[in-house]
Amino acid sequence: MNKEYFKRYTANCVSIGTRVYSYETHVADISDTFVTELGWWSQTTTKHVKRVANELGLTLKKYIRS
């Protein structure tokens, strides 16, 4: 699988295939048009997921905490 690092968060944010990892935790999935958050962990993880969506030019589907 291809591994992609993202500017600014290269040490802690990576995508492998269609999965986004923040600090080795699977936090989002990438599809053709969306990056979908799988939950809420921290503000830093939220920044990582937003960065991935922005760099890939995709729409972010946010996780809604209840």
Protein backbone atom coordinates (compact mmCIF):
# COMPACT_ATOMS: atom_id res chain seq x y z
CA MET A 1 0.00 0.00 0.00
CA ASN A 2 1.18 3.52 -0.64
CA LYS A 3 2.06 5.63 2.37
CA GLU A 4 1.60 9.40 2.14
CA TYR A 5 2.88 11.93 4.64
CA PHE A 6 1.36 15.39 4.88
CA LYS A 7 3.15 18.73 5.11
CA ARG A 8 3.45 20.24 8.57
CA TYR A 9 2.45 17.01 10.38
CA THR A 10 4.84 14.60 8.69
CA ALA A 11 5.89 12.78 11.86
CA ASN A 12 2.40 12.16 13.24
CA CYS A 13 -0.08 12.11 10.35
CA VAL A 14 0.00 9.59 7.53
CA SER A 15 -2.38 7.93 5.10
CA ILE A 16 -1.92 4.32 4.14
CA GLY A 17 -4.19 3.36 1.28
CA THR A 18 -7.60 4.81 2.16
CA ARG A 19 -6.96 5.09 5.91
CA VAL A 20 -5.73 8.17 7.77
CA TYR A 21 -3.65 7.63 10.90
CA SER A 22 -2.85 10.13 13.62
CA TYR A 23 -0.26 8.93 16.11
CA GLU A 24 -0.75 5.35 14.82
CA THR A 25 -4.54 5.47 15.42
CA HIS A 26 -6.92 4.97 12.46
CA VAL A 27 -8.96 8.21 12.63
CA ALA A 28 -10.49 8.72 9.16
CA ASP A 29 -11.21 7.08 5.82
CA ILE A 30 -10.57 8.55 2.37
CA SER A 31 -13.00 8.02 -0.51
CA ASP A 32 -13.15 9.58 -3.98
CA THR A 33 -14.82 12.77 -2.73
CA PHE A 34 -14.68 12.72 1.09
CA VAL A 35 -12.46 12.32 4.11
CA THR A 36 -14.72 10.87 6.80
CA GLU A 37 -13.81 11.24 10.49
CA LEU A 38 -14.39 8.06 12.49
CA GLY A 39 -14.64 9.67 15.91
CA TRP A 40 -13.27 12.40 18.12
CA TRP A 41 -9.95 12.02 19.93
CA SER A 42 -8.32 15.44 20.40
CA GLN A 43 -7.90 18.87 18.84
CA THR A 44 -4.61 17.73 17.34
CA THR A 45 -6.22 14.74 15.65
CA THR A 46 -8.94 17.04 14.30
CA LYS A 47 -6.21 19.27 12.83
CA HIS A 48 -4.58 16.24 11.20
CA VAL A 49 -7.83 15.14 9.55
CA LYS A 50 -8.57 18.69 8.34
CA ARG A 51 -5.04 18.93 6.89
CA VAL A 52 -5.50 15.67 4.97
CA ALA A 53 -8.83 16.82 3.50
CA ASN A 54 -7.34 20.20 2.50
CA GLU A 55 -4.20 18.76 0.93
CA LEU A 56 -6.18 16.18 -1.04
CA GLY A 57 -8.83 18.74 -2.07
CA LEU A 58 -11.64 16.64 -0.59
CA THR A 59 -14.69 17.50 1.50
CA LEU A 60 -14.46 16.69 5.20
CA LYS A 61 -17.35 14.74 6.74
CA LYS A 62 -17.03 15.61 10.41
CA TYR A 63 -17.86 13.27 13.26
CA ILE A 64 -20.68 14.75 15.38
CA ARG A 65 -20.23 14.13 19.09
CA SER A 66 -23.42 13.56 21.02
